[in-house]
Amino acid sequence: NARHNNPIYAAMIHSVDETVGRILDTLDQLGLADRTVIFFTGDNGGLLPNTSNAPLRAGKGSAYEGGVRVPLLVRWPGVTPPGSVCAEPVISVDYFPTIAQLAGVPVSGGAVDGESLAPLLKEPQAKLVREAIYWHYPHYHPGGATPYGAVRKGDYKLIEFFEDGKLELYNLKDDVGESNDLSQKQPDVTSALRQDLAAWRERVNAQMPRPNPDFDPEKAGERRR
């Protein structure tokens, strides 16, 4: 097993643990714990090389599962079965419609990107209505990741890198570490998912990266040195 050796990173994790404990203790003291739903999650995978995301590939900022797959724990007293596990893929835009439904606040379906997770919280083996989830990252990341978009549909995940249009296809059920690119072996699946991804970007009016006319590669090289 890999040993962690960054005390600052470890201290930050310890601080989060302590703070969550304080929140839970306060809910108990106020008598609110039994009627409070708690969501605990993250916004990206662990930062390399300070931690390990194994068996997932890469880390924070990456298009691969080590960069985008995060923990999600939900405690809904009296509703969600304690210790239960749900394998349905979800995404952070689902939190808003979920919390709105739990609070009894109506929202317009046409104006909401996500889908309520309430059915999954009540029955962990349930399935959501949608067929796929999408995400869009038209930026560069200090860790080296380049702009990309991705779609997860069933067991398949397609990544489209915007710099050169390269496509990568993975079957996450069989290959969670994304070591076997199937884009050339399964061109029909690759083409269909690429069309789905392009259609989704059109629907949500996603902004694509554009070349910077003032970019000077020689000056950029000087700054890197």
C-alpha atoms as a PDB file:
ATOM      1  CA  ASN A   1       0.000   0.000   0.000  1.00  0.00           C
ATOM      2  CA  ALA A   2       1.196   3.499  -0.860  1.00  0.00           C
ATOM      3  CA  ARG A   3       2.010   5.633   2.174  1.00  0.00           C
ATOM      4  CA  HIS A   4       0.913   9.255   2.318  1.00  0.00           C
ATOM      5  CA  ASN A   5       3.690  11.633   3.271  1.00  0.00           C
ATOM      6  CA  ASN A   6       2.252  15.152   3.014  1.00  0.00           C
ATOM      7  CA  PRO A   7       1.451  16.378   6.557  1.00  0.00           C
ATOM      8  CA  ILE A   8      -0.294  19.550   5.332  1.00  0.00           C
ATOM      9  CA  TYR A   9      -2.676  17.567   3.126  1.00  0.00           C
ATOM     10  CA  ALA A  10      -3.279  15.120   5.975  1.00  0.00           C
ATOM     11  CA  ALA A  11      -3.993  17.991   8.367  1.00  0.00           C
ATOM     12  CA  MET A  12      -6.588  19.433   5.971  1.00  0.00           C
ATOM     13  CA  ILE A  13      -8.377  16.077   5.797  1.00  0.00           C
ATOM     14  CA  HIS A  14      -8.240  15.794   9.587  1.00  0.00           C
ATOM     15  CA  SER A  15      -9.711  19.297   9.878  1.00  0.00           C
ATOM     16  CA  VAL A  16     -12.608  18.362   7.589  1.00  0.00           C
ATOM     17  CA  ASP A  17     -13.256  15.258   9.684  1.00  0.00           C
ATOM     18  CA  GLU A  18     -13.319  17.274  12.901  1.00  0.00           C
ATOM     19  CA  THR A  19     -15.569  19.956  11.417  1.00  0.00           C
ATOM     20  CA  VAL A  20     -18.122  17.465  10.116  1.00  0.00           C
ATOM     21  CA  GLY A  21     -18.127  15.932  13.588  1.00  0.00           C
ATOM     22  CA  ARG A  22     -18.872  19.328  15.151  1.00  0.00           C
ATOM     23  CA  ILE A  23     -21.821  19.825  12.782  1.00  0.00           C
ATOM     24  CA  LEU A  24     -23.260  16.392  13.607  1.00  0.00           C
ATOM     25  CA  ASP A  25     -22.790  16.975  17.345  1.00  0.00           C
ATOM     26  CA  THR A  26     -24.572  20.329  17.116  1.00  0.00           C
ATOM     27  CA  LEU A  27     -27.518  18.772  15.277  1.00  0.00           C
ATOM     28  CA  ASP A  28     -27.765  16.187  18.051  1.00  0.00           C
ATOM     29  CA  GLN A  29     -27.618  18.851  20.769  1.00  0.00           C
ATOM     30  CA  LEU A  30     -30.357  20.896  19.088  1.00  0.00           C
ATOM     31  CA  GLY A  31     -32.581  17.863  18.567  1.00  0.00           C
ATOM     32  CA  LEU A  32     -32.504  18.318  14.791  1.00  0.00           C
ATOM     33  CA  ALA A  33     -30.578  15.232  13.696  1.00  0.00           C
ATOM     34  CA  ASP A  34     -33.624  13.051  13.066  1.00  0.00           C
ATOM     35  CA  ARG A  35     -35.161  15.581  10.686  1.00  0.00           C
ATOM     36  CA  THR A  36     -32.049  16.773   8.883  1.00  0.00           C
ATOM     37  CA  VAL A  37     -30.773  15.314   5.605  1.00  0.00           C
ATOM     38  CA  ILE A  38     -26.974  15.468   5.305  1.00  0.00           C
ATOM     39  CA  PHE A  39     -25.017  15.353   2.039  1.00  0.00           C
ATOM     40  CA  PHE A  40     -21.245  14.794   2.162  1.00  0.00           C
ATOM     41  CA  THR A  41     -19.373  14.931  -1.125  1.00  0.00           C
ATOM     42  CA  GLY A  42     -16.451  16.498  -3.005  1.00  0.00           C
ATOM     43  CA  ASP A  43     -15.945  18.453  -6.205  1.00  0.00           C
ATOM     44  CA  ASN A  44     -13.101  16.412  -7.722  1.00  0.00           C
ATOM     45  CA  GLY A  45     -10.783  13.486  -7.177  1.00  0.00           C
ATOM     46  CA  GLY A  46      -7.779  13.525  -4.888  1.00  0.00           C
ATOM     47  CA  LEU A  47      -4.827  15.782  -5.693  1.00  0.00           C
ATOM     48  CA  LEU A  48      -1.803  13.881  -6.980  1.00  0.00           C
ATOM     49  CA  PRO A  49       0.829  13.118  -5.779  1.00  0.00           C
ATOM     50  CA  ASN A  50      -0.424  13.930  -2.285  1.00  0.00           C
ATOM     51  CA  THR A  51      -2.918  11.083  -2.290  1.00  0.00           C
ATOM     52  CA  SER A  52      -3.824   7.983  -4.272  1.00  0.00           C
ATOM     53  CA  ASN A  53      -7.016   7.423  -6.254  1.00  0.00           C
ATOM     54  CA  ALA A  54      -6.174   3.812  -7.135  1.00  0.00           C
ATOM     55  CA  PRO A  55      -7.593   1.872  -8.890  1.00  0.00           C
ATOM     56  CA  LEU A  56      -8.900   4.973 -10.670  1.00  0.00           C
ATOM     57  CA  ARG A  57      -6.746   6.710 -13.268  1.00  0.00           C
ATOM     58  CA  ALA A  58      -5.146  10.143 -12.634  1.00  0.00           C
ATOM     59  CA  GLY A  59      -6.426  12.785 -10.196  1.00  0.00           C
ATOM     60  CA  LYS A  60      -7.812  16.274  -9.677  1.00  0.00           C
ATOM     61  CA  GLY A  61      -8.403  18.212 -12.899  1.00  0.00           C
ATOM     62  CA  SER A  62      -8.222  15.107 -15.092  1.00  0.00           C
ATOM     63  CA  ALA A  63     -10.874  13.832 -17.497  1.00  0.00           C
ATOM     64  CA  TYR A  64     -10.370  10.341 -16.091  1.00  0.00           C
ATOM     65  CA  GLU A  65     -12.236   8.769 -13.189  1.00  0.00           C
ATOM     66  CA  GLY A  66      -9.533   9.693 -10.688  1.00  0.00           C
ATOM     67  CA  GLY A  67     -10.347  13.322 -11.423  1.00  0.00           C
ATOM     68  CA  VAL A  68     -14.144  13.259 -11.620  1.00  0.00           C
ATOM     69  CA  ARG A  69     -15.389  10.376  -9.473  1.00  0.00           C
ATOM     70  CA  VAL A  70     -15.995  11.513  -5.894  1.00  0.00           C
ATOM     71  CA  PRO A  71     -17.474  10.105  -2.685  1.00  0.00           C
ATOM     72  CA  LEU A  72     -21.137  10.859  -1.967  1.00  0.00           C
ATOM     73  CA  LEU A  73     -22.637   9.993   1.401  1.00  0.00           C
ATOM     74  CA  VAL A  74     -26.233  10.884   2.283  1.00  0.00           C
ATOM     75  CA  ARG A  75     -27.942  10.431   5.643  1.00  0.00           C
ATOM     76  CA  TRP A  76     -31.739  10.760   5.533  1.00  0.00           C
ATOM     77  CA  PRO A  77     -32.975   9.470   8.908  1.00  0.00           C
ATOM     78  CA  GLY A  78     -35.931   7.120   8.693  1.00  0.00           C
ATOM     79  CA  VAL A  79     -35.819   6.975   4.875  1.00  0.00           C
ATOM     80  CA  THR A  80     -32.442   5.937   3.447  1.00  0.00           C
ATOM     81  CA  PRO A  81     -31.505   2.451   4.717  1.00  0.00           C
ATOM     82  CA  PRO A  82     -28.375   2.744   6.910  1.00  0.00           C
ATOM     83  CA  GLY A  83     -25.311   1.135   5.311  1.00  0.00           C
ATOM     84  CA  SER A  84     -26.950   0.817   1.900  1.00  0.00           C
ATOM     85  CA  VAL A  85     -24.979   1.326  -1.326  1.00  0.00           C
ATOM     86  CA  CYS A  86     -26.269   2.738  -4.618  1.00  0.00           C
ATOM     87  CA  ALA A  87     -24.400   2.163  -7.896  1.00  0.00           C
ATOM     88  CA  GLU A  88     -26.416   4.575 -10.068  1.00  0.00           C
ATOM     89  CA  PRO A  89     -24.152   7.290 -11.594  1.00  0.00           C
ATOM     90  CA  VAL A  90     -25.123  10.779 -10.415  1.00  0.00           C
ATOM     91  CA  ILE A  91     -23.664  14.258 -10.871  1.00  0.00           C
ATOM     92  CA  SER A  92     -23.495  17.416  -8.753  1.00  0.00           C
ATOM     93  CA  VAL A  93     -26.232  19.236 -10.694  1.00  0.00           C
ATOM     94  CA  ASP A  94     -28.601  16.646  -9.189  1.00  0.00           C
ATOM     95  CA  TYR A  95     -28.288  18.151  -5.727  1.00  0.00           C
ATOM     96  CA  PHE A  96     -30.453  21.191  -6.407  1.00  0.00           C
ATOM     97  CA  PRO A  97     -33.578  19.317  -7.628  1.00  0.00           C
ATOM     98  CA  THR A  98     -33.033  16.717  -4.891  1.00  0.00           C
ATOM     99  CA  ILE A  99     -32.922  19.253  -2.055  1.00  0.00           C
ATOM    100  CA  ALA A 100     -35.824  21.201  -3.567  1.00  0.00           C
ATOM    101  CA  GLN A 101     -37.967  18.059  -3.624  1.00  0.00           C
ATOM    102  CA  LEU A 102     -37.034  17.124  -0.071  1.00  0.00           C
ATOM    103  CA  ALA A 103     -37.956  20.644   1.050  1.00  0.00           C
ATOM    104  CA  GLY A 104     -41.262  20.534  -0.832  1.00  0.00           C
ATOM    105  CA  VAL A 105     -40.270  23.364  -3.176  1.00  0.00           C
ATOM    106  CA  PRO A 106     -41.558  22.938  -6.744  1.00  0.00           C
ATOM    107  CA  VAL A 107     -39.089  23.556  -9.564  1.00  0.00           C
ATOM    108  CA  SER A 108     -39.641  23.753 -13.296  1.00  0.00           C
ATOM    109  CA  GLY A 109     -38.236  20.643 -14.962  1.00  0.00           C
ATOM    110  CA  GLY A 110     -37.309  22.528 -18.118  1.00  0.00           C
ATOM    111  CA  ALA A 111     -35.087  24.942 -16.194  1.00  0.00           C
ATOM    112  CA  VAL A 112     -33.173  22.340 -14.165  1.00  0.00           C
ATOM    113  CA  ASP A 113     -30.132  20.465 -15.447  1.00  0.00           C
ATOM    114  CA  GLY A 114     -30.141  17.646 -12.902  1.00  0.00           C
ATOM    115  CA  GLU A 115     -32.566  14.983 -11.728  1.00  0.00           C
ATOM    116  CA  SER A 116     -33.816  14.463  -8.183  1.00  0.00           C
ATOM    117  CA  LEU A 117     -32.023  11.665  -6.354  1.00  0.00           C
ATOM    118  CA  ALA A 118     -34.927  11.158  -3.935  1.00  0.00           C
ATOM    119  CA  PRO A 119     -35.975   7.848  -5.568  1.00  0.00           C
ATOM    120  CA  LEU A 120     -32.450   6.488  -5.045  1.00  0.00           C
ATOM    121  CA  LEU A 121     -32.340   7.673  -1.440  1.00  0.00           C
ATOM    122  CA  LYS A 122     -35.601   5.846  -0.750  1.00  0.00           C
ATOM    123  CA  GLU A 123     -34.669   2.730  -2.723  1.00  0.00           C
ATOM    124  CA  PRO A 124     -30.914   2.361  -3.448  1.00  0.00           C
ATOM    125  CA  GLN A 125     -31.558  -0.209  -6.193  1.00  0.00           C
ATOM    126  CA  ALA A 126     -33.806   2.181  -8.155  1.00  0.00           C
ATOM    127  CA  LYS A 127     -32.835   3.737 -11.494  1.00  0.00           C
ATOM    128  CA  LEU A 128     -33.127   7.315 -12.726  1.00  0.00           C
ATOM    129  CA  VAL A 129     -35.082   8.245 -15.843  1.00  0.00           C
ATOM    130  CA  ARG A 130     -32.198   9.745 -17.832  1.00  0.00           C
ATOM    131  CA  GLU A 131     -29.949   7.663 -20.063  1.00  0.00           C
ATOM    132  CA  ALA A 132     -26.703   9.629 -19.702  1.00  0.00           C
ATOM    133  CA  ILE A 133     -24.810  12.274 -17.770  1.00  0.00           C
ATOM    134  CA  TYR A 134     -22.603  14.910 -19.398  1.00  0.00           C
ATOM    135  CA  TRP A 135     -19.915  17.315 -18.293  1.00  0.00           C
ATOM    136  CA  HIS A 136     -17.969  20.091 -19.958  1.00  0.00           C
ATOM    137  CA  TYR A 137     -14.499  21.397 -19.062  1.00  0.00           C
ATOM    138  CA  PRO A 138     -13.356  23.998 -21.634  1.00  0.00           C
ATOM    139  CA  HIS A 139     -10.328  25.045 -19.573  1.00  0.00           C
ATOM    140  CA  TYR A 140      -6.746  24.150 -18.764  1.00  0.00           C
ATOM    141  CA  HIS A 141      -5.796  22.854 -15.335  1.00  0.00           C
ATOM    142  CA  PRO A 142      -2.520  23.540 -13.500  1.00  0.00           C
ATOM    143  CA  GLY A 143      -2.081  19.789 -13.148  1.00  0.00           C
ATOM    144  CA  GLY A 144      -1.740  19.438 -16.922  1.00  0.00           C
ATOM    145  CA  ALA A 145      -5.281  18.570 -18.023  1.00  0.00           C
ATOM    146  CA  THR A 146      -6.465  20.136 -21.290  1.00  0.00           C
ATOM    147  CA  PRO A 147     -10.006  21.207 -22.328  1.00  0.00           C
ATOM    148  CA  TYR A 148     -12.416  18.325 -22.841  1.00  0.00           C
ATOM    149  CA  GLY A 149     -16.013  17.154 -22.719  1.00  0.00           C
ATOM    150  CA  ALA A 150     -17.362  13.774 -21.633  1.00  0.00           C
ATOM    151  CA  VAL A 151     -20.489  11.635 -21.543  1.00  0.00           C
ATOM    152  CA  ARG A 152     -21.286   8.615 -19.378  1.00  0.00           C
ATOM    153  CA  LYS A 153     -24.033   6.365 -20.786  1.00  0.00           C
ATOM    154  CA  GLY A 154     -24.559   2.998 -19.178  1.00  0.00           C
ATOM    155  CA  ASP A 155     -21.184   1.338 -18.767  1.00  0.00           C
ATOM    156  CA  TYR A 156     -19.532   3.481 -21.444  1.00  0.00           C
ATOM    157  CA  LYS A 157     -17.695   6.759 -21.045  1.00  0.00           C
ATOM    158  CA  LEU A 158     -16.531   8.859 -23.994  1.00  0.00           C
ATOM    159  CA  ILE A 159     -14.005  11.681 -23.643  1.00  0.00           C
ATOM    160  CA  GLU A 160     -13.505  14.285 -26.386  1.00  0.00           C
ATOM    161  CA  PHE A 161     -10.344  16.386 -26.093  1.00  0.00           C
ATOM    162  CA  PHE A 162     -10.912  19.809 -27.635  1.00  0.00           C
ATOM    163  CA  GLU A 163      -7.348  20.682 -28.629  1.00  0.00           C
ATOM    164  CA  ASP A 164      -7.112  18.018 -31.333  1.00  0.00           C
ATOM    165  CA  GLY A 165     -10.536  16.298 -31.352  1.00  0.00           C
ATOM    166  CA  LYS A 166      -9.101  13.049 -30.000  1.00  0.00           C
ATOM    167  CA  LEU A 167     -11.691  10.585 -28.709  1.00  0.00           C
ATOM    168  CA  GLU A 168     -11.268   7.935 -26.025  1.00  0.00           C
ATOM    169  CA  LEU A 169     -13.875   5.314 -25.107  1.00  0.00           C
ATOM    170  CA  TYR A 170     -13.894   3.159 -21.987  1.00  0.00           C
ATOM    171  CA  ASN A 171     -16.162   0.484 -20.540  1.00  0.00           C
ATOM    172  CA  LEU A 172     -16.097   1.412 -16.861  1.00  0.00           C
ATOM    173  CA  LYS A 173     -17.758  -1.804 -15.774  1.00  0.00           C
ATOM    174  CA  ASP A 174     -14.902  -3.883 -17.170  1.00  0.00           C
ATOM    175  CA  ASP A 175     -12.128  -1.269 -16.964  1.00  0.00           C
ATOM    176  CA  VAL A 176     -12.584   1.204 -14.103  1.00  0.00           C
ATOM    177  CA  GLY A 177      -8.903   2.163 -14.409  1.00  0.00           C
ATOM    178  CA  GLU A 178      -9.454   3.326 -18.018  1.00  0.00           C
ATOM    179  CA  SER A 179      -6.467   1.458 -19.408  1.00  0.00           C
ATOM    180  CA  ASN A 180      -8.138   0.036 -22.536  1.00  0.00           C
ATOM    181  CA  ASP A 181      -9.264   2.664 -25.058  1.00  0.00           C
ATOM    182  CA  LEU A 182     -12.074   1.124 -27.150  1.00  0.00           C
ATOM    183  CA  SER A 183     -12.626   4.047 -29.542  1.00  0.00           C
ATOM    184  CA  GLN A 184     -11.071   2.247 -32.508  1.00  0.00           C
ATOM    185  CA  LYS A 185     -12.433  -1.179 -31.594  1.00  0.00           C
ATOM    186  CA  GLN A 186     -16.037   0.008 -31.184  1.00  0.00           C
ATOM    187  CA  PRO A 187     -16.463   2.841 -33.720  1.00  0.00           C
ATOM    188  CA  ASP A 188     -20.270   2.655 -33.703  1.00  0.00           C
ATOM    189  CA  VAL A 189     -20.458   3.269 -29.948  1.00  0.00           C
ATOM    190  CA  THR A 190     -17.835   6.012 -30.236  1.00  0.00           C
ATOM    191  CA  SER A 191     -19.705   7.797 -33.038  1.00  0.00           C
ATOM    192  CA  ALA A 192     -23.087   7.569 -31.293  1.00  0.00           C
ATOM    193  CA  LEU A 193     -21.758   8.946 -28.012  1.00  0.00           C
ATOM    194  CA  ARG A 194     -19.916  11.735 -29.784  1.00  0.00           C
ATOM    195  CA  GLN A 195     -23.180  12.770 -31.447  1.00  0.00           C
ATOM    196  CA  ASP A 196     -24.965  12.641 -28.087  1.00  0.00           C
ATOM    197  CA  LEU A 197     -22.276  14.838 -26.536  1.00  0.00           C
ATOM    198  CA  ALA A 198     -22.436  17.384 -29.366  1.00  0.00           C
ATOM    199  CA  ALA A 199     -26.249  17.503 -29.186  1.00  0.00           C
ATOM    200  CA  TRP A 200     -26.130  18.073 -25.423  1.00  0.00           C
ATOM    201  CA  ARG A 201     -23.649  20.942 -25.812  1.00  0.00           C
ATOM    202  CA  GLU A 202     -26.003  22.507 -28.341  1.00  0.00           C
ATOM    203  CA  ARG A 203     -28.994  22.145 -25.991  1.00  0.00           C
ATOM    204  CA  VAL A 204     -27.260  23.813 -23.048  1.00  0.00           C
ATOM    205  CA  ASN A 205     -25.400  26.379 -25.156  1.00  0.00           C
ATOM    206  CA  ALA A 206     -22.030  25.237 -23.807  1.00  0.00           C
ATOM    207  CA  GLN A 207     -19.175  27.636 -24.498  1.00  0.00           C
ATOM    208  CA  MET A 208     -16.306  26.121 -26.440  1.00  0.00           C
ATOM    209  CA  PRO A 209     -12.671  27.235 -26.080  1.00  0.00           C
ATOM    210  CA  ARG A 210     -11.368  29.529 -28.817  1.00  0.00           C
ATOM    211  CA  PRO A 211      -7.809  30.245 -29.944  1.00  0.00           C
ATOM    212  CA  ASN A 212      -6.234  33.323 -28.358  1.00  0.00           C
ATOM    213  CA  PRO A 213      -5.080  35.577 -31.233  1.00  0.00           C
ATOM    214  CA  ASP A 214      -2.548  37.245 -28.920  1.00  0.00           C
ATOM    215  CA  PHE A 215      -0.902  34.006 -27.822  1.00  0.00           C
ATOM    216  CA  ASP A 216       2.846  33.952 -28.444  1.00  0.00           C
ATOM    217  CA  PRO A 217       4.341  30.471 -27.927  1.00  0.00           C
ATOM    218  CA  GLU A 218       7.854  31.872 -27.650  1.00  0.00           C
ATOM    219  CA  LYS A 219       6.910  34.214 -24.817  1.00  0.00           C
ATOM    220  CA  ALA A 220       4.973  31.417 -23.144  1.00  0.00           C
ATOM    221  CA  GLY A 221       8.084  29.251 -23.357  1.00  0.00           C
ATOM    222  CA  GLU A 222      10.180  31.985 -21.778  1.00  0.00           C
ATOM    223  CA  ARG A 223       7.786  32.257 -18.850  1.00  0.00           C
ATOM    224  CA  ARG A 224       7.861  28.487 -18.293  1.00  0.00           C
ATOM    225  CA  ARG A 225      11.671  28.539 -18.138  1.00  0.00           C
END
